[in-house]
Amino acid sequence: MRLTLVAIVVLGMILFVLTGCASKGPVQTETFEQVAVEETTEEVSEPCTNLEMALTRAEELTHNKYYGATQYDGAIHFAFDSYKLSAEDKKAIDAVVLPLMEADKDFFLELQGHTDGFGEEPYNFQLGLNRARAVMGYLNQKYGISLQRMNGFSCGELKPVGDNGFEEGRAENRRVTVVVIE
């Protein structure tokens, strides 16, 4: 119990540090097809699946200036209680990363691990982190992308895209969101 409380406090401090001010500028969102470019000016504090925060984090971690972020969500899914990448997941990752590698662009990747609503929150947090790390490991091994060009963290069960009351919705929630920052 005490270890869980310490873990939650540490997680809270990490999230507090990561939330900083949002940058203002164009943000592009994709779900494996072009959606839209929108201008946002609101201050935000959610670290998960927020493109402006991803852009800010990338600049802070690398000390480089980036100008846009593109989100890919909905193609990398995991089995219940697993962080093993399937052949289908690897193809989805390749579809995002291969064009970047071929274009020889300067980019940074943020990998956000998500879980369904089953299980205890600390467990789901660790599972989401393991999912993000699995994608990072794949990118490092297959493409030689330096770990310094990636940031992986867990959103746990905080950002569901499906209804956790149904198996179909829970399956949608067991995912990794890839944010490409250029």
N, C-alpha and C. Protein backbone atom coordinates (compact mmCIF):
# COMPACT_ATOMS: atom_id res chain seq x y z
N MET A 1 0.83 -1.19 0.00
CA MET A 1 0.00 0.00 0.00
C MET A 1 0.87 1.25 0.00
N ARG A 2 1.88 1.25 0.85
CA ARG A 2 2.75 2.42 0.94
C ARG A 2 3.55 2.60 -0.34
N LEU A 3 4.00 1.49 -0.96
CA LEU A 3 4.74 1.55 -2.21
C LEU A 3 3.85 2.11 -3.32
N THR A 4 2.58 1.73 -3.33
CA THR A 4 1.63 2.24 -4.32
C THR A 4 1.46 3.74 -4.15
N LEU A 5 1.33 4.20 -2.92
CA LEU A 5 1.18 5.62 -2.66
C LEU A 5 2.41 6.39 -3.12
N VAL A 6 3.59 5.86 -2.86
CA VAL A 6 4.83 6.51 -3.29
C VAL A 6 4.87 6.56 -4.82
N ALA A 7 4.49 5.47 -5.47
CA ALA A 7 4.48 5.45 -6.94
C ALA A 7 3.52 6.49 -7.50
N ILE A 8 2.36 6.64 -6.90
CA ILE A 8 1.37 7.62 -7.37
C ILE A 8 1.89 9.03 -7.17
N VAL A 9 2.53 9.30 -6.03
CA VAL A 9 3.09 10.63 -5.77
C VAL A 9 4.19 10.94 -6.78
N VAL A 10 5.07 9.99 -7.05
CA VAL A 10 6.15 10.19 -8.02
C VAL A 10 5.56 10.43 -9.40
N LEU A 11 4.57 9.64 -9.80
CA LEU A 11 3.91 9.84 -11.09
C LEU A 11 3.30 11.22 -11.17
N GLY A 12 2.64 11.67 -10.09
CA GLY A 12 2.04 13.00 -10.07
C GLY A 12 3.08 14.09 -10.27
N MET A 13 4.25 13.94 -9.61
CA MET A 13 5.31 14.93 -9.77
C MET A 13 5.84 14.93 -11.19
N ILE A 14 5.99 13.76 -11.80
CA ILE A 14 6.48 13.67 -13.18
C ILE A 14 5.49 14.34 -14.12
N LEU A 15 4.21 14.04 -13.95
CA LEU A 15 3.19 14.66 -14.81
C LEU A 15 3.16 16.17 -14.61
N PHE A 16 3.33 16.65 -13.37
CA PHE A 16 3.35 18.08 -13.11
C PHE A 16 4.49 18.74 -13.86
N VAL A 17 5.68 18.13 -13.83
CA VAL A 17 6.84 18.69 -14.52
C VAL A 17 6.62 18.69 -16.03
N LEU A 18 5.98 17.65 -16.56
CA LEU A 18 5.81 17.54 -18.01
C LEU A 18 4.72 18.44 -18.57
N THR A 19 3.86 18.99 -17.74
CA THR A 19 2.71 19.71 -18.27
C THR A 19 3.01 21.12 -18.73
N GLY A 20 3.99 21.82 -18.26
CA GLY A 20 4.41 23.13 -18.71
C GLY A 20 3.41 23.90 -19.56
N CYS A 21 3.84 24.95 -20.22
CA CYS A 21 2.97 25.76 -21.08
C CYS A 21 2.96 25.17 -22.48
N ALA A 22 1.87 25.33 -23.16
CA ALA A 22 1.73 24.82 -24.52
C ALA A 22 2.28 25.84 -25.50
N SER A 23 2.87 25.36 -26.57
CA SER A 23 3.31 26.25 -27.63
C SER A 23 2.13 26.57 -28.52
N LYS A 24 2.21 27.68 -29.21
CA LYS A 24 1.15 28.07 -30.12
C LYS A 24 1.64 27.82 -31.54
N GLY A 25 0.82 27.23 -32.35
CA GLY A 25 1.21 27.00 -33.73
C GLY A 25 0.37 25.92 -34.34
N PRO A 26 0.62 25.65 -35.62
CA PRO A 26 -0.20 24.64 -36.31
C PRO A 26 0.11 23.25 -35.79
N VAL A 27 -0.92 22.47 -35.65
CA VAL A 27 -0.80 21.10 -35.20
C VAL A 27 -1.58 20.24 -36.18
N GLN A 28 -0.95 19.19 -36.67
CA GLN A 28 -1.58 18.33 -37.66
C GLN A 28 -1.89 16.99 -37.02
N THR A 29 -3.08 16.47 -37.25
CA THR A 29 -3.50 15.20 -36.68
C THR A 29 -3.79 14.23 -37.80
N GLU A 30 -3.32 12.99 -37.66
CA GLU A 30 -3.60 11.95 -38.64
C GLU A 30 -3.97 10.68 -37.92
N THR A 31 -4.88 9.92 -38.48
CA THR A 31 -5.16 8.56 -38.05
C THR A 31 -4.98 7.71 -39.29
N PHE A 32 -3.79 7.71 -39.82
CA PHE A 32 -3.40 7.03 -41.04
C PHE A 32 -4.15 7.56 -42.25
N GLU A 33 -4.75 8.71 -42.12
CA GLU A 33 -5.25 9.47 -43.24
C GLU A 33 -5.31 10.92 -42.79
N GLN A 34 -5.07 11.83 -43.72
CA GLN A 34 -5.03 13.26 -43.39
C GLN A 34 -6.36 13.71 -42.81
N VAL A 35 -6.31 14.46 -41.70
CA VAL A 35 -7.54 14.97 -41.12
C VAL A 35 -7.61 16.47 -41.36
N ALA A 36 -6.91 17.28 -40.58
CA ALA A 36 -7.00 18.73 -40.72
C ALA A 36 -5.86 19.41 -39.99
N VAL A 37 -5.61 20.65 -40.35
CA VAL A 37 -4.66 21.48 -39.63
C VAL A 37 -5.49 22.50 -38.88
N GLU A 38 -5.23 22.61 -37.59
CA GLU A 38 -6.01 23.54 -36.80
C GLU A 38 -5.10 24.42 -35.98
N GLU A 39 -5.51 25.65 -35.78
CA GLU A 39 -4.77 26.62 -34.97
C GLU A 39 -5.34 26.56 -33.56
N THR A 40 -4.49 26.32 -32.57
CA THR A 40 -4.96 26.29 -31.20
C THR A 40 -4.18 27.29 -30.37
N THR A 41 -4.86 27.92 -29.45
CA THR A 41 -4.20 28.91 -28.60
C THR A 41 -4.46 28.67 -27.13
N GLU A 42 -5.25 27.67 -26.78
CA GLU A 42 -5.56 27.40 -25.39
C GLU A 42 -4.37 26.78 -24.67
N GLU A 43 -4.23 27.14 -23.39
CA GLU A 43 -3.22 26.50 -22.57
C GLU A 43 -3.74 25.12 -22.20
N VAL A 44 -2.87 24.12 -22.26
CA VAL A 44 -3.28 22.75 -22.00
C VAL A 44 -2.41 22.12 -20.94
N SER A 45 -2.94 21.08 -20.29
CA SER A 45 -2.15 20.43 -19.25
C SER A 45 -2.19 18.92 -19.35
N GLU A 46 -2.86 18.34 -20.34
CA GLU A 46 -2.92 16.89 -20.50
C GLU A 46 -1.71 16.40 -21.26
N PRO A 47 -0.90 15.52 -20.68
CA PRO A 47 0.28 15.06 -21.39
C PRO A 47 -0.02 13.99 -22.45
N CYS A 48 -1.11 13.27 -22.32
CA CYS A 48 -1.38 12.16 -23.23
C CYS A 48 -2.19 12.61 -24.43
N THR A 49 -1.73 12.23 -25.61
CA THR A 49 -2.35 12.51 -26.90
C THR A 49 -2.62 13.99 -27.14
N ASN A 50 -1.82 14.85 -26.57
CA ASN A 50 -1.93 16.27 -26.83
C ASN A 50 -0.74 16.68 -27.68
N LEU A 51 -0.99 17.09 -28.91
CA LEU A 51 0.09 17.35 -29.85
C LEU A 51 0.95 18.54 -29.47
N GLU A 52 0.34 19.58 -28.94
CA GLU A 52 1.13 20.74 -28.55
C GLU A 52 2.08 20.39 -27.41
N MET A 53 1.61 19.59 -26.47
CA MET A 53 2.48 19.18 -25.36
C MET A 53 3.59 18.26 -25.86
N ALA A 54 3.28 17.40 -26.81
CA ALA A 54 4.31 16.53 -27.39
C ALA A 54 5.40 17.37 -28.05
N LEU A 55 4.99 18.39 -28.76
CA LEU A 55 5.95 19.29 -29.42
C LEU A 55 6.82 19.99 -28.38
N THR A 56 6.21 20.47 -27.33
CA THR A 56 6.95 21.13 -26.26
C THR A 56 7.93 20.17 -25.59
N ARG A 57 7.46 18.96 -25.29
CA ARG A 57 8.35 17.97 -24.65
C ARG A 57 9.53 17.64 -25.53
N ALA A 58 9.29 17.47 -26.82
CA ALA A 58 10.39 17.14 -27.75
C ALA A 58 11.44 18.25 -27.76
N GLU A 59 10.99 19.49 -27.78
CA GLU A 59 11.93 20.62 -27.78
C GLU A 59 12.71 20.68 -26.48
N GLU A 60 12.03 20.39 -25.36
CA GLU A 60 12.72 20.41 -24.07
C GLU A 60 13.73 19.28 -23.96
N LEU A 61 13.39 18.11 -24.46
CA LEU A 61 14.28 16.95 -24.34
C LEU A 61 15.48 17.03 -25.28
N THR A 62 15.30 17.62 -26.45
CA THR A 62 16.37 17.63 -27.45
C THR A 62 17.07 18.97 -27.60
N HIS A 63 16.47 20.02 -27.08
CA HIS A 63 16.97 21.39 -27.23
C HIS A 63 16.99 21.80 -28.70
N ASN A 64 16.09 21.21 -29.50
CA ASN A 64 15.91 21.55 -30.90
C ASN A 64 14.57 22.24 -31.07
N LYS A 65 14.41 22.98 -32.15
CA LYS A 65 13.14 23.62 -32.47
C LYS A 65 12.42 22.77 -33.51
N TYR A 66 11.20 22.37 -33.21
CA TYR A 66 10.37 21.62 -34.14
C TYR A 66 9.14 22.46 -34.48
N TYR A 67 8.53 22.17 -35.61
CA TYR A 67 7.47 23.04 -36.10
C TYR A 67 6.11 22.38 -36.26
N GLY A 68 6.03 21.09 -36.06
CA GLY A 68 4.74 20.44 -36.19
C GLY A 68 4.75 19.06 -35.61
N ALA A 69 3.56 18.56 -35.32
CA ALA A 69 3.40 17.22 -34.77
C ALA A 69 2.24 16.55 -35.47
N THR A 70 2.42 15.29 -35.79
CA THR A 70 1.39 14.49 -36.45
C THR A 70 1.13 13.27 -35.58
N GLN A 71 -0.13 13.02 -35.29
CA GLN A 71 -0.49 11.91 -34.41
C GLN A 71 -1.03 10.74 -35.22
N TYR A 72 -0.54 9.55 -34.92
CA TYR A 72 -1.03 8.31 -35.51
C TYR A 72 -1.60 7.47 -34.37
N ASP A 73 -2.88 7.24 -34.42
CA ASP A 73 -3.54 6.51 -33.35
C ASP A 73 -4.53 5.53 -33.98
N GLY A 74 -4.63 4.36 -33.43
CA GLY A 74 -5.63 3.42 -33.89
C GLY A 74 -5.11 2.26 -34.71
N ALA A 75 -3.81 2.14 -34.89
CA ALA A 75 -3.29 1.05 -35.71
C ALA A 75 -2.41 0.07 -34.93
N ILE A 76 -1.89 0.47 -33.79
CA ILE A 76 -1.02 -0.39 -33.00
C ILE A 76 -1.80 -0.83 -31.77
N HIS A 77 -2.24 -2.09 -31.78
CA HIS A 77 -3.07 -2.61 -30.69
C HIS A 77 -2.42 -3.84 -30.05
N PHE A 78 -2.83 -4.13 -28.84
CA PHE A 78 -2.25 -5.23 -28.08
C PHE A 78 -3.34 -6.14 -27.55
N ALA A 79 -2.97 -7.38 -27.34
CA ALA A 79 -3.87 -8.34 -26.70
C ALA A 79 -4.02 -7.96 -25.24
N PHE A 80 -5.04 -8.49 -24.60
CA PHE A 80 -5.28 -8.23 -23.19
C PHE A 80 -4.04 -8.60 -22.37
N ASP A 81 -3.62 -7.69 -21.49
CA ASP A 81 -2.51 -7.90 -20.56
C ASP A 81 -1.20 -8.24 -21.27
N SER A 82 -0.99 -7.66 -22.46
CA SER A 82 0.21 -7.96 -23.24
C SER A 82 0.86 -6.68 -23.75
N TYR A 83 2.15 -6.76 -23.96
CA TYR A 83 2.86 -5.68 -24.63
C TYR A 83 3.72 -6.22 -25.78
N LYS A 84 3.32 -7.38 -26.28
CA LYS A 84 4.02 -8.00 -27.40
C LYS A 84 3.48 -7.44 -28.71
N LEU A 85 4.38 -7.04 -29.59
CA LEU A 85 3.99 -6.51 -30.89
C LEU A 85 3.70 -7.65 -31.86
N SER A 86 2.58 -7.56 -32.54
CA SER A 86 2.23 -8.55 -33.57
C SER A 86 2.86 -8.14 -34.90
N ALA A 87 2.83 -9.03 -35.87
CA ALA A 87 3.32 -8.71 -37.21
C ALA A 87 2.51 -7.55 -37.80
N GLU A 88 1.22 -7.52 -37.53
CA GLU A 88 0.35 -6.44 -38.01
C GLU A 88 0.75 -5.10 -37.38
N ASP A 89 1.07 -5.12 -36.08
CA ASP A 89 1.52 -3.91 -35.40
C ASP A 89 2.81 -3.39 -36.02
N LYS A 90 3.73 -4.28 -36.29
CA LYS A 90 5.00 -3.88 -36.88
C LYS A 90 4.80 -3.27 -38.26
N LYS A 91 3.87 -3.79 -39.04
CA LYS A 91 3.58 -3.20 -40.35
C LYS A 91 3.01 -1.79 -40.19
N ALA A 92 2.16 -1.59 -39.20
CA ALA A 92 1.60 -0.26 -38.95
C ALA A 92 2.69 0.72 -38.54
N ILE A 93 3.61 0.28 -37.70
CA ILE A 93 4.73 1.13 -37.29
C ILE A 93 5.60 1.45 -38.50
N ASP A 94 5.89 0.44 -39.31
CA ASP A 94 6.71 0.64 -40.51
C ASP A 94 6.09 1.67 -41.44
N ALA A 95 4.77 1.65 -41.57
CA ALA A 95 4.07 2.58 -42.47
C ALA A 95 4.27 4.03 -42.03
N VAL A 96 4.45 4.25 -40.74
CA VAL A 96 4.69 5.61 -40.24
C VAL A 96 6.16 5.99 -40.36
N VAL A 97 7.05 5.09 -39.99
CA VAL A 97 8.46 5.42 -39.83
C VAL A 97 9.25 5.31 -41.14
N LEU A 98 8.94 4.38 -41.98
CA LEU A 98 9.71 4.19 -43.21
C LEU A 98 9.77 5.46 -44.06
N PRO A 99 8.67 6.17 -44.29
CA PRO A 99 8.77 7.42 -45.07
C PRO A 99 9.68 8.46 -44.40
N LEU A 100 9.68 8.51 -43.08
CA LEU A 100 10.56 9.44 -42.37
C LEU A 100 12.02 9.09 -42.59
N MET A 101 12.31 7.81 -42.52
CA MET A 101 13.69 7.36 -42.71
C MET A 101 14.14 7.61 -44.14
N GLU A 102 13.27 7.34 -45.09
CA GLU A 102 13.62 7.55 -46.51
C GLU A 102 13.80 9.02 -46.83
N ALA A 103 13.03 9.89 -46.18
CA ALA A 103 13.13 11.33 -46.43
C ALA A 103 14.33 11.94 -45.72
N ASP A 104 14.94 11.19 -44.83
CA ASP A 104 16.10 11.63 -44.07
C ASP A 104 15.84 12.97 -43.39
N LYS A 105 14.68 13.06 -42.73
CA LYS A 105 14.28 14.28 -42.03
C LYS A 105 14.70 14.20 -40.56
N ASP A 106 14.83 15.37 -39.96
CA ASP A 106 15.06 15.43 -38.52
C ASP A 106 13.69 15.28 -37.85
N PHE A 107 13.54 14.26 -37.03
CA PHE A 107 12.27 14.03 -36.36
C PHE A 107 12.50 13.48 -34.96
N PHE A 108 11.46 13.55 -34.18
CA PHE A 108 11.44 13.02 -32.83
C PHE A 108 10.13 12.25 -32.69
N LEU A 109 10.16 11.13 -32.01
CA LEU A 109 8.96 10.31 -31.84
C LEU A 109 8.54 10.26 -30.39
N GLU A 110 7.26 10.48 -30.16
CA GLU A 110 6.70 10.29 -28.84
C GLU A 110 5.76 9.10 -28.90
N LEU A 111 5.92 8.16 -27.99
CA LEU A 111 5.13 6.93 -27.97
C LEU A 111 4.35 6.89 -26.66
N GLN A 112 3.03 6.92 -26.79
CA GLN A 112 2.16 6.99 -25.63
C GLN A 112 1.42 5.67 -25.48
N GLY A 113 1.73 4.93 -24.41
CA GLY A 113 1.12 3.63 -24.16
C GLY A 113 -0.20 3.76 -23.42
N HIS A 114 -1.22 3.04 -23.88
CA HIS A 114 -2.56 3.09 -23.30
C HIS A 114 -3.02 1.68 -22.91
N THR A 115 -3.96 1.63 -21.98
CA THR A 115 -4.55 0.35 -21.56
C THR A 115 -6.06 0.48 -21.53
N ASP A 116 -6.71 -0.66 -21.34
CA ASP A 116 -8.16 -0.62 -21.11
C ASP A 116 -8.39 -0.33 -19.64
N GLY A 117 -9.64 -0.31 -19.21
CA GLY A 117 -9.98 0.05 -17.84
C GLY A 117 -9.93 -1.09 -16.85
N PHE A 118 -9.55 -2.29 -17.28
CA PHE A 118 -9.47 -3.41 -16.35
C PHE A 118 -8.16 -3.36 -15.59
N GLY A 119 -8.18 -3.78 -14.35
CA GLY A 119 -6.98 -3.83 -13.54
C GLY A 119 -6.79 -2.58 -12.71
N GLU A 120 -5.84 -2.66 -11.80
CA GLU A 120 -5.53 -1.54 -10.93
C GLU A 120 -4.76 -0.47 -11.71
N GLU A 121 -4.95 0.77 -11.33
CA GLU A 121 -4.32 1.88 -12.03
C GLU A 121 -2.79 1.78 -12.09
N PRO A 122 -2.10 1.46 -10.98
CA PRO A 122 -0.64 1.35 -11.05
C PRO A 122 -0.19 0.24 -12.03
N TYR A 123 -0.92 -0.87 -12.03
CA TYR A 123 -0.59 -1.96 -12.96
C TYR A 123 -0.78 -1.49 -14.40
N ASN A 124 -1.90 -0.82 -14.67
CA ASN A 124 -2.17 -0.33 -16.02
C ASN A 124 -1.14 0.71 -16.44
N PHE A 125 -0.71 1.53 -15.51
CA PHE A 125 0.34 2.50 -15.82
C PHE A 125 1.61 1.79 -16.29
N GLN A 126 2.03 0.76 -15.58
CA GLN A 126 3.23 0.01 -15.96
C GLN A 126 3.03 -0.71 -17.29
N LEU A 127 1.85 -1.28 -17.51
CA LEU A 127 1.56 -1.97 -18.76
C LEU A 127 1.61 -1.00 -19.94
N GLY A 128 1.05 0.20 -19.78
CA GLY A 128 1.12 1.21 -20.83
C GLY A 128 2.56 1.59 -21.13
N LEU A 129 3.37 1.72 -20.09
CA LEU A 129 4.79 2.03 -20.27
C LEU A 129 5.50 0.91 -21.01
N ASN A 130 5.21 -0.34 -20.65
CA ASN A 130 5.82 -1.47 -21.34
C ASN A 130 5.42 -1.49 -22.82
N ARG A 131 4.20 -1.11 -23.14
CA ARG A 131 3.77 -1.05 -24.54
C ARG A 131 4.54 0.02 -25.30
N ALA A 132 4.70 1.19 -24.71
CA ALA A 132 5.47 2.25 -25.36
C ALA A 132 6.92 1.81 -25.55
N ARG A 133 7.48 1.16 -24.54
CA ARG A 133 8.87 0.69 -24.63
C ARG A 133 9.04 -0.42 -25.68
N ALA A 134 8.01 -1.24 -25.87
CA ALA A 134 8.08 -2.29 -26.90
C ALA A 134 8.21 -1.65 -28.27
N VAL A 135 7.45 -0.59 -28.52
CA VAL A 135 7.54 0.10 -29.81
C VAL A 135 8.90 0.79 -29.94
N MET A 136 9.37 1.40 -28.87
CA MET A 136 10.70 2.03 -28.90
C MET A 136 11.78 1.01 -29.22
N GLY A 137 11.71 -0.15 -28.58
CA GLY A 137 12.70 -1.20 -28.84
C GLY A 137 12.67 -1.66 -30.28
N TYR A 138 11.49 -1.82 -30.82
CA TYR A 138 11.35 -2.23 -32.23
C TYR A 138 11.97 -1.19 -33.15
N LEU A 139 11.68 0.08 -32.91
CA LEU A 139 12.22 1.15 -33.76
C LEU A 139 13.74 1.24 -33.64
N ASN A 140 14.24 1.04 -32.46
CA ASN A 140 15.68 1.07 -32.26
C ASN A 140 16.37 -0.10 -32.95
N GLN A 141 15.80 -1.29 -32.82
CA GLN A 141 16.41 -2.48 -33.40
C GLN A 141 16.27 -2.53 -34.92
N LYS A 142 15.09 -2.23 -35.44
CA LYS A 142 14.87 -2.36 -36.88
C LYS A 142 15.44 -1.18 -37.66
N TYR A 143 15.28 0.04 -37.17
CA TYR A 143 15.67 1.22 -37.92
C TYR A 143 16.90 1.92 -37.36
N GLY A 144 17.37 1.49 -36.21
CA GLY A 144 18.53 2.14 -35.60
C GLY A 144 18.23 3.54 -35.09
N ILE A 145 16.96 3.83 -34.82
CA ILE A 145 16.60 5.14 -34.30
C ILE A 145 17.10 5.23 -32.86
N SER A 146 17.89 6.23 -32.61
CA SER A 146 18.46 6.43 -31.29
C SER A 146 17.38 6.64 -30.24
N LEU A 147 17.59 6.08 -29.06
CA LEU A 147 16.63 6.25 -27.98
C LEU A 147 16.53 7.72 -27.57
N GLN A 148 17.54 8.54 -27.88
CA GLN A 148 17.48 9.96 -27.58
C GLN A 148 16.53 10.70 -28.52
N ARG A 149 16.10 10.05 -29.61
CA ARG A 149 15.16 10.65 -30.55
C ARG A 149 13.73 10.18 -30.28
N MET A 150 13.52 9.53 -29.13
CA MET A 150 12.20 9.02 -28.79
C MET A 150 11.90 9.30 -27.32
N ASN A 151 10.62 9.47 -27.04
CA ASN A 151 10.14 9.61 -25.68
C ASN A 151 8.96 8.66 -25.53
N GLY A 152 9.03 7.77 -24.59
CA GLY A 152 7.94 6.84 -24.36
C GLY A 152 7.42 6.98 -22.96
N PHE A 153 6.10 7.02 -22.81
CA PHE A 153 5.52 7.09 -21.48
C PHE A 153 4.14 6.46 -21.50
N SER A 154 3.57 6.34 -20.32
CA SER A 154 2.28 5.68 -20.18
C SER A 154 1.17 6.67 -19.90
N CYS A 155 0.06 6.45 -20.55
CA CYS A 155 -1.18 7.17 -20.23
C CYS A 155 -2.09 6.25 -19.43
N GLY A 156 -1.68 4.99 -19.30
CA GLY A 156 -2.50 4.03 -18.58
C GLY A 156 -3.90 3.97 -19.15
N GLU A 157 -4.88 4.08 -18.29
CA GLU A 157 -6.28 4.00 -18.70
C GLU A 157 -6.93 5.37 -18.81
N LEU A 158 -6.12 6.45 -18.77
CA LEU A 158 -6.66 7.81 -18.70
C LEU A 158 -7.30 8.32 -19.99
N LYS A 159 -6.94 7.82 -21.14
CA LYS A 159 -7.43 8.35 -22.42
C LYS A 159 -8.07 7.26 -23.27
N PRO A 160 -9.18 6.71 -22.84
CA PRO A 160 -9.82 5.68 -23.67
C PRO A 160 -10.41 6.27 -24.94
N VAL A 161 -10.37 5.49 -26.01
CA VAL A 161 -11.03 5.88 -27.26
C VAL A 161 -12.27 5.02 -27.48
N GLY A 162 -12.36 3.91 -26.75
CA GLY A 162 -13.50 3.01 -26.83
C GLY A 162 -14.16 2.87 -25.49
N ASP A 163 -15.34 2.29 -25.49
CA ASP A 163 -16.11 2.07 -24.27
C ASP A 163 -15.58 0.85 -23.53
N ASN A 164 -15.06 1.06 -22.32
CA ASN A 164 -14.50 -0.04 -21.53
C ASN A 164 -15.57 -1.01 -21.04
N GLY A 165 -16.84 -0.71 -21.26
CA GLY A 165 -17.91 -1.60 -20.87
C GLY A 165 -18.11 -2.76 -21.84
N PHE A 166 -17.44 -2.71 -22.99
CA PHE A 166 -17.58 -3.75 -24.01
C PHE A 166 -16.20 -4.21 -24.47
N GLU A 167 -16.07 -5.49 -24.82
CA GLU A 167 -14.79 -6.04 -25.26
C GLU A 167 -14.23 -5.28 -26.45
N GLU A 168 -15.09 -4.93 -27.40
CA GLU A 168 -14.63 -4.19 -28.58
C GLU A 168 -13.98 -2.87 -28.20
N GLY A 169 -14.62 -2.15 -27.27
CA GLY A 169 -14.08 -0.88 -26.80
C GLY A 169 -12.79 -1.05 -26.04
N ARG A 170 -12.72 -2.08 -25.19
CA ARG A 170 -11.48 -2.34 -24.44
C ARG A 170 -10.34 -2.66 -25.40
N ALA A 171 -10.63 -3.41 -26.47
CA ALA A 171 -9.59 -3.74 -27.46
C ALA A 171 -9.07 -2.48 -28.14
N GLU A 172 -9.95 -1.52 -28.41
CA GLU A 172 -9.52 -0.26 -29.02
C GLU A 172 -8.60 0.52 -28.09
N ASN A 173 -8.82 0.39 -26.80
CA ASN A 173 -8.05 1.16 -25.81
C ASN A 173 -6.65 0.61 -25.57
N ARG A 174 -6.41 -0.64 -25.88
CA ARG A 174 -5.10 -1.27 -25.67
C ARG A 174 -4.22 -0.94 -26.86
N ARG A 175 -3.52 0.21 -26.80
CA ARG A 175 -2.84 0.72 -27.98
C ARG A 175 -1.63 1.56 -27.61
N VAL A 176 -0.87 1.91 -28.65
CA VAL A 176 0.18 2.92 -28.53
C VAL A 176 -0.10 3.99 -29.57
N THR A 177 -0.12 5.23 -29.12
CA THR A 177 -0.25 6.37 -30.02
C THR A 177 1.17 6.82 -30.38
N VAL A 178 1.41 7.03 -31.67
CA VAL A 178 2.71 7.52 -32.13
C VAL A 178 2.53 8.97 -32.55
N VAL A 179 3.36 9.85 -31.99
CA VAL A 179 3.35 11.25 -32.39
C VAL A 179 4.70 11.53 -33.05
N VAL A 180 4.64 11.94 -34.32
CA VAL A 180 5.85 12.28 -35.07
C VAL A 180 6.02 13.80 -34.99
N ILE A 181 7.15 14.21 -34.51
CA ILE A 181 7.44 15.64 -34.33
C ILE A 181 8.57 16.00 -35.28
N GLU A 182 8.29 16.99 -36.15
CA GLU A 182 9.28 17.40 -37.15
C GLU A 182 9.56 18.89 -37.05
